Amino acid sequence: MKKTWGIFAAVAVICIGLGVFIGHKQTSPQQADNAAVASLLSQSMPDAHGKPQELSQWKSRPLVVNFWATWCAPCVEEMPELSELQTELDAGKKVQIIGIGIDSPSNIAEFIGKYKIAYPIYVGGLSGTELSRQLGNQAGGLPFTVLIDGNGKVRKSYLGRLKMDELRKDIASL
């Protein structure tokens, strides 16, 4: 009887380990499509106030592009930290953070009215989801963040809540 339980426990541990591995593999960001950054920077999106903005204004500048939604708790939790980071980065004019909301214009406008965000927020809506997939977010999860160098190459992708120390280190390596 003890032997049967031991075998059962070993099989269960192996199955759990395999499930975690496969789940992690499927939700890890994929390599971005080469044309994805060009596609991003060719877009025009309304800002949080509804005014159309050309994303080409950020060409040749390192970017942190954060896909988020007002209903996404981890997204909302990391926004004050991203805002603080943008304030730090503004001192050296090194890197620009931009937010692309996968949400309705009214929800984003209401959110921005309540919170002070130190970086531009754009309304991507549902097309923002497809753009995030092109940039490597095959799982379609939020938050999803992409670090792009000044040459338009995706240097790193982050799925889930950001670890700010890791992001700072990655920005410093640009």
C-alpha atoms as a PDB file:
ATOM      1  CA  MET A   1       0.000   0.000   0.000  1.00  0.00           C
ATOM      2  CA  LYS A   2       2.847   2.396   0.908  1.00  0.00           C
ATOM      3  CA  LYS A   3       4.594   1.571  -2.361  1.00  0.00           C
ATOM      4  CA  THR A   4       1.443   2.425  -4.379  1.00  0.00           C
ATOM      5  CA  TRP A   5       1.151   5.819  -2.673  1.00  0.00           C
ATOM      6  CA  GLY A   6       4.844   6.494  -3.331  1.00  0.00           C
ATOM      7  CA  ILE A   7       4.442   5.741  -7.036  1.00  0.00           C
ATOM      8  CA  PHE A   8       1.280   7.849  -7.180  1.00  0.00           C
ATOM      9  CA  ALA A   9       3.058  10.778  -5.477  1.00  0.00           C
ATOM     10  CA  ALA A  10       6.055  10.521  -7.846  1.00  0.00           C
ATOM     11  CA  VAL A  11       3.789  10.498 -10.920  1.00  0.00           C
ATOM     12  CA  ALA A  12       1.823  13.463  -9.543  1.00  0.00           C
ATOM     13  CA  VAL A  13       5.014  15.479  -8.964  1.00  0.00           C
ATOM     14  CA  ILE A  14       6.230  14.718 -12.486  1.00  0.00           C
ATOM     15  CA  CYS A  15       2.867  15.723 -13.987  1.00  0.00           C
ATOM     16  CA  ILE A  16       2.760  18.957 -12.000  1.00  0.00           C
ATOM     17  CA  GLY A  17       6.321  19.806 -13.037  1.00  0.00           C
ATOM     18  CA  LEU A  18       5.541  19.085 -16.659  1.00  0.00           C
ATOM     19  CA  GLY A  19       2.371  21.194 -16.494  1.00  0.00           C
ATOM     20  CA  VAL A  20       4.225  24.152 -14.993  1.00  0.00           C
ATOM     21  CA  PHE A  21       6.955  23.857 -17.650  1.00  0.00           C
ATOM     22  CA  ILE A  22       4.467  23.695 -20.538  1.00  0.00           C
ATOM     23  CA  GLY A  23       2.368  26.524 -19.087  1.00  0.00           C
ATOM     24  CA  HIS A  24       5.428  28.728 -18.690  1.00  0.00           C
ATOM     25  CA  LYS A  25       6.625  27.895 -22.199  1.00  0.00           C
ATOM     26  CA  GLN A  26       3.237  28.831 -23.697  1.00  0.00           C
ATOM     27  CA  THR A  27       2.940  32.120 -21.802  1.00  0.00           C
ATOM     28  CA  SER A  28       6.519  33.337 -22.282  1.00  0.00           C
ATOM     29  CA  PRO A  29       6.747  36.212 -24.759  1.00  0.00           C
ATOM     30  CA  GLN A  30       7.792  35.158 -28.245  1.00  0.00           C
ATOM     31  CA  GLN A  31      10.357  36.931 -30.406  1.00  0.00           C
ATOM     32  CA  ALA A  32       8.762  39.985 -32.003  1.00  0.00           C
ATOM     33  CA  ASP A  33       8.014  40.050 -35.705  1.00  0.00           C
ATOM     34  CA  ASN A  34      10.715  42.167 -37.421  1.00  0.00           C
ATOM     35  CA  ALA A  35       8.113  44.490 -38.882  1.00  0.00           C
ATOM     36  CA  ALA A  36       6.226  44.891 -35.582  1.00  0.00           C
ATOM     37  CA  VAL A  37       8.146  47.941 -34.355  1.00  0.00           C
ATOM     38  CA  ALA A  38       7.800  49.623 -37.742  1.00  0.00           C
ATOM     39  CA  SER A  39       4.073  48.850 -37.605  1.00  0.00           C
ATOM     40  CA  LEU A  40       3.839  50.318 -34.100  1.00  0.00           C
ATOM     41  CA  LEU A  41       5.646  53.502 -35.094  1.00  0.00           C
ATOM     42  CA  SER A  42       3.548  53.943 -38.238  1.00  0.00           C
ATOM     43  CA  GLN A  43       0.330  54.074 -36.201  1.00  0.00           C
ATOM     44  CA  SER A  44      -1.712  57.045 -35.195  1.00  0.00           C
ATOM     45  CA  MET A  45      -3.609  56.597 -31.934  1.00  0.00           C
ATOM     46  CA  PRO A  46      -5.736  58.933 -29.895  1.00  0.00           C
ATOM     47  CA  ASP A  47      -4.188  60.063 -26.645  1.00  0.00           C
ATOM     48  CA  ALA A  48      -6.128  59.868 -23.378  1.00  0.00           C
ATOM     49  CA  HIS A  49      -7.892  63.127 -24.293  1.00  0.00           C
ATOM     50  CA  GLY A  50      -8.985  61.864 -27.726  1.00  0.00           C
ATOM     51  CA  LYS A  51      -6.451  63.855 -29.758  1.00  0.00           C
ATOM     52  CA  PRO A  52      -4.822  61.768 -32.542  1.00  0.00           C
ATOM     53  CA  GLN A  53      -1.074  61.322 -32.068  1.00  0.00           C
ATOM     54  CA  GLU A  54       1.519  59.963 -34.484  1.00  0.00           C
ATOM     55  CA  LEU A  55       3.648  57.325 -32.790  1.00  0.00           C
ATOM     56  CA  SER A  56       6.380  58.104 -35.334  1.00  0.00           C
ATOM     57  CA  GLN A  57       7.317  60.971 -32.995  1.00  0.00           C
ATOM     58  CA  TRP A  58       9.146  58.322 -30.926  1.00  0.00           C
ATOM     59  CA  LYS A  59      11.281  56.970 -33.815  1.00  0.00           C
ATOM     60  CA  SER A  60      15.017  56.643 -33.102  1.00  0.00           C
ATOM     61  CA  ARG A  61      14.407  56.871 -29.368  1.00  0.00           C
ATOM     62  CA  PRO A  62      14.593  53.923 -26.964  1.00  0.00           C
ATOM     63  CA  LEU A  63      11.086  53.048 -25.790  1.00  0.00           C
ATOM     64  CA  VAL A  64       9.350  51.125 -23.054  1.00  0.00           C
ATOM     65  CA  VAL A  65       5.941  50.268 -24.509  1.00  0.00           C
ATOM     66  CA  ASN A  66       3.461  49.123 -21.870  1.00  0.00           C
ATOM     67  CA  PHE A  67       0.174  47.487 -22.932  1.00  0.00           C
ATOM     68  CA  TRP A  68      -2.383  47.765 -20.136  1.00  0.00           C
ATOM     69  CA  ALA A  69      -6.091  48.069 -19.292  1.00  0.00           C
ATOM     70  CA  THR A  70      -8.051  49.822 -16.561  1.00  0.00           C
ATOM     71  CA  TRP A  71      -9.617  46.498 -15.498  1.00  0.00           C
ATOM     72  CA  CYS A  72      -6.198  44.785 -15.145  1.00  0.00           C
ATOM     73  CA  ALA A  73      -5.123  44.998 -11.479  1.00  0.00           C
ATOM     74  CA  PRO A  74      -1.392  44.291 -12.082  1.00  0.00           C
ATOM     75  CA  CYS A  75      -1.410  46.917 -14.852  1.00  0.00           C
ATOM     76  CA  VAL A  76      -2.850  49.554 -12.550  1.00  0.00           C
ATOM     77  CA  GLU A  77      -0.453  48.552  -9.738  1.00  0.00           C
ATOM     78  CA  GLU A  78       2.657  49.057 -11.874  1.00  0.00           C
ATOM     79  CA  MET A  79       1.609  52.386 -13.430  1.00  0.00           C
ATOM     80  CA  PRO A  80       2.746  54.608 -10.507  1.00  0.00           C
ATOM     81  CA  GLU A  81       6.140  52.865 -10.619  1.00  0.00           C
ATOM     82  CA  LEU A  82       6.378  53.380 -14.384  1.00  0.00           C
ATOM     83  CA  SER A  83       5.400  57.011 -13.876  1.00  0.00           C
ATOM     84  CA  GLU A  84       8.150  57.420 -11.277  1.00  0.00           C
ATOM     85  CA  LEU A  85      10.621  55.735 -13.624  1.00  0.00           C
ATOM     86  CA  GLN A  86       9.663  58.128 -16.449  1.00  0.00           C
ATOM     87  CA  THR A  87      10.338  61.070 -14.138  1.00  0.00           C
ATOM     88  CA  GLU A  88      13.821  59.616 -13.432  1.00  0.00           C
ATOM     89  CA  LEU A  89      14.426  59.001 -17.136  1.00  0.00           C
ATOM     90  CA  ASP A  90      13.331  62.533 -18.060  1.00  0.00           C
ATOM     91  CA  ALA A  91      16.402  63.880 -16.279  1.00  0.00           C
ATOM     92  CA  GLY A  92      18.628  62.264 -18.909  1.00  0.00           C
ATOM     93  CA  LYS A  93      16.131  62.233 -21.795  1.00  0.00           C
ATOM     94  CA  LYS A  94      17.347  58.684 -22.389  1.00  0.00           C
ATOM     95  CA  VAL A  95      14.237  56.532 -22.732  1.00  0.00           C
ATOM     96  CA  GLN A  96      10.546  57.244 -23.267  1.00  0.00           C
ATOM     97  CA  ILE A  97       7.777  55.176 -21.693  1.00  0.00           C
ATOM     98  CA  ILE A  98       4.464  55.045 -23.546  1.00  0.00           C
ATOM     99  CA  GLY A  99       1.285  53.283 -22.473  1.00  0.00           C
ATOM    100  CA  ILE A 100      -1.162  51.690 -24.900  1.00  0.00           C
ATOM    101  CA  GLY A 101      -4.535  51.047 -23.329  1.00  0.00           C
ATOM    102  CA  ILE A 102      -6.451  47.978 -24.436  1.00  0.00           C
ATOM    103  CA  ASP A 103      -9.683  49.549 -23.285  1.00  0.00           C
ATOM    104  CA  SER A 104     -12.378  52.004 -24.315  1.00  0.00           C
ATOM    105  CA  PRO A 105     -11.539  55.692 -24.773  1.00  0.00           C
ATOM    106  CA  SER A 106     -13.982  56.662 -22.004  1.00  0.00           C
ATOM    107  CA  ASN A 107     -12.469  54.228 -19.468  1.00  0.00           C
ATOM    108  CA  ILE A 108      -8.956  55.435 -20.258  1.00  0.00           C
ATOM    109  CA  ALA A 109      -9.965  59.111 -20.053  1.00  0.00           C
ATOM    110  CA  GLU A 110     -11.670  58.516 -16.697  1.00  0.00           C
ATOM    111  CA  PHE A 111      -8.616  56.642 -15.391  1.00  0.00           C
ATOM    112  CA  ILE A 112      -6.196  59.372 -16.499  1.00  0.00           C
ATOM    113  CA  GLY A 113      -8.465  61.950 -14.867  1.00  0.00           C
ATOM    114  CA  LYS A 114      -8.024  60.188 -11.516  1.00  0.00           C
ATOM    115  CA  TYR A 115      -4.300  59.369 -11.671  1.00  0.00           C
ATOM    116  CA  LYS A 116      -1.297  61.482 -12.618  1.00  0.00           C
ATOM    117  CA  ILE A 117       0.771  59.561 -15.134  1.00  0.00           C
ATOM    118  CA  ALA A 118       4.098  61.096 -16.231  1.00  0.00           C
ATOM    119  CA  TYR A 119       4.193  59.414 -19.638  1.00  0.00           C
ATOM    120  CA  PRO A 120       1.919  59.495 -22.700  1.00  0.00           C
ATOM    121  CA  ILE A 121      -1.080  57.174 -22.725  1.00  0.00           C
ATOM    122  CA  TYR A 122      -2.673  56.156 -26.013  1.00  0.00           C
ATOM    123  CA  VAL A 123      -5.940  54.368 -26.733  1.00  0.00           C
ATOM    124  CA  GLY A 124      -5.133  51.175 -28.623  1.00  0.00           C
ATOM    125  CA  GLY A 125      -8.519  49.512 -28.159  1.00  0.00           C
ATOM    126  CA  LEU A 126      -8.846  46.034 -29.617  1.00  0.00           C
ATOM    127  CA  SER A 127      -6.309  46.751 -32.364  1.00  0.00           C
ATOM    128  CA  GLY A 128      -3.794  47.243 -29.559  1.00  0.00           C
ATOM    129  CA  THR A 129      -4.211  43.557 -28.707  1.00  0.00           C
ATOM    130  CA  GLU A 130      -3.124  42.566 -32.208  1.00  0.00           C
ATOM    131  CA  LEU A 131      -0.202  44.973 -32.026  1.00  0.00           C
ATOM    132  CA  SER A 132       0.926  43.405 -28.736  1.00  0.00           C
ATOM    133  CA  ARG A 133       0.735  39.957 -30.374  1.00  0.00           C
ATOM    134  CA  GLN A 134       2.966  41.160 -33.228  1.00  0.00           C
ATOM    135  CA  LEU A 135       5.418  42.371 -30.592  1.00  0.00           C
ATOM    136  CA  GLY A 136       5.554  38.891 -29.015  1.00  0.00           C
ATOM    137  CA  ASN A 137       2.517  38.618 -26.721  1.00  0.00           C
ATOM    138  CA  GLN A 138       1.180  35.314 -28.071  1.00  0.00           C
ATOM    139  CA  ALA A 139      -0.631  34.609 -24.784  1.00  0.00           C
ATOM    140  CA  GLY A 140      -2.588  37.873 -25.094  1.00  0.00           C
ATOM    141  CA  GLY A 141      -1.981  38.606 -21.392  1.00  0.00           C
ATOM    142  CA  LEU A 142      -1.716  41.964 -19.670  1.00  0.00           C
ATOM    143  CA  PRO A 143       0.311  43.787 -18.660  1.00  0.00           C
ATOM    144  CA  PHE A 144       2.716  43.269 -21.523  1.00  0.00           C
ATOM    145  CA  THR A 145       5.770  45.477 -21.901  1.00  0.00           C
ATOM    146  CA  VAL A 146       8.372  45.731 -24.646  1.00  0.00           C
ATOM    147  CA  LEU A 147      11.795  47.385 -24.441  1.00  0.00           C
ATOM    148  CA  ILE A 148      12.817  48.760 -27.850  1.00  0.00           C
ATOM    149  CA  ASP A 149      16.248  50.232 -28.566  1.00  0.00           C
ATOM    150  CA  GLY A 150      16.887  53.406 -30.582  1.00  0.00           C
ATOM    151  CA  ASN A 151      17.379  51.322 -33.746  1.00  0.00           C
ATOM    152  CA  GLY A 152      13.857  49.916 -33.533  1.00  0.00           C
ATOM    153  CA  LYS A 153      14.883  46.458 -32.319  1.00  0.00           C
ATOM    154  CA  VAL A 154      12.951  44.708 -29.552  1.00  0.00           C
ATOM    155  CA  ARG A 155      15.522  44.024 -26.853  1.00  0.00           C
ATOM    156  CA  LYS A 156      13.260  42.380 -24.282  1.00  0.00           C
ATOM    157  CA  SER A 157       9.610  41.558 -23.592  1.00  0.00           C
ATOM    158  CA  TYR A 158       7.914  41.206 -20.223  1.00  0.00           C
ATOM    159  CA  LEU A 159       4.608  39.423 -19.681  1.00  0.00           C
ATOM    160  CA  GLY A 160       2.958  40.156 -16.354  1.00  0.00           C
ATOM    161  CA  ARG A 161       3.705  42.684 -13.658  1.00  0.00           C
ATOM    162  CA  LEU A 162       7.073  44.334 -14.141  1.00  0.00           C
ATOM    163  CA  LYS A 163       9.971  43.935 -11.759  1.00  0.00           C
ATOM    164  CA  MET A 164      11.254  47.516 -11.792  1.00  0.00           C
ATOM    165  CA  ASP A 165      14.810  46.603 -10.771  1.00  0.00           C
ATOM    166  CA  GLU A 166      15.025  44.258 -13.764  1.00  0.00           C
ATOM    167  CA  LEU A 167      13.580  46.904 -16.100  1.00  0.00           C
ATOM    168  CA  ARG A 168      16.038  49.547 -14.819  1.00  0.00           C
ATOM    169  CA  LYS A 169      18.931  47.137 -15.373  1.00  0.00           C
ATOM    170  CA  ASP A 170      17.689  46.337 -18.910  1.00  0.00           C
ATOM    171  CA  ILE A 171      17.314  50.046 -19.718  1.00  0.00           C
ATOM    172  CA  ALA A 172      20.834  50.720 -18.447  1.00  0.00           C
ATOM    173  CA  SER A 173      22.174  48.058 -20.837  1.00  0.00           C
ATOM    174  CA  LEU A 174      20.806  49.879 -23.919  1.00  0.00           C
END
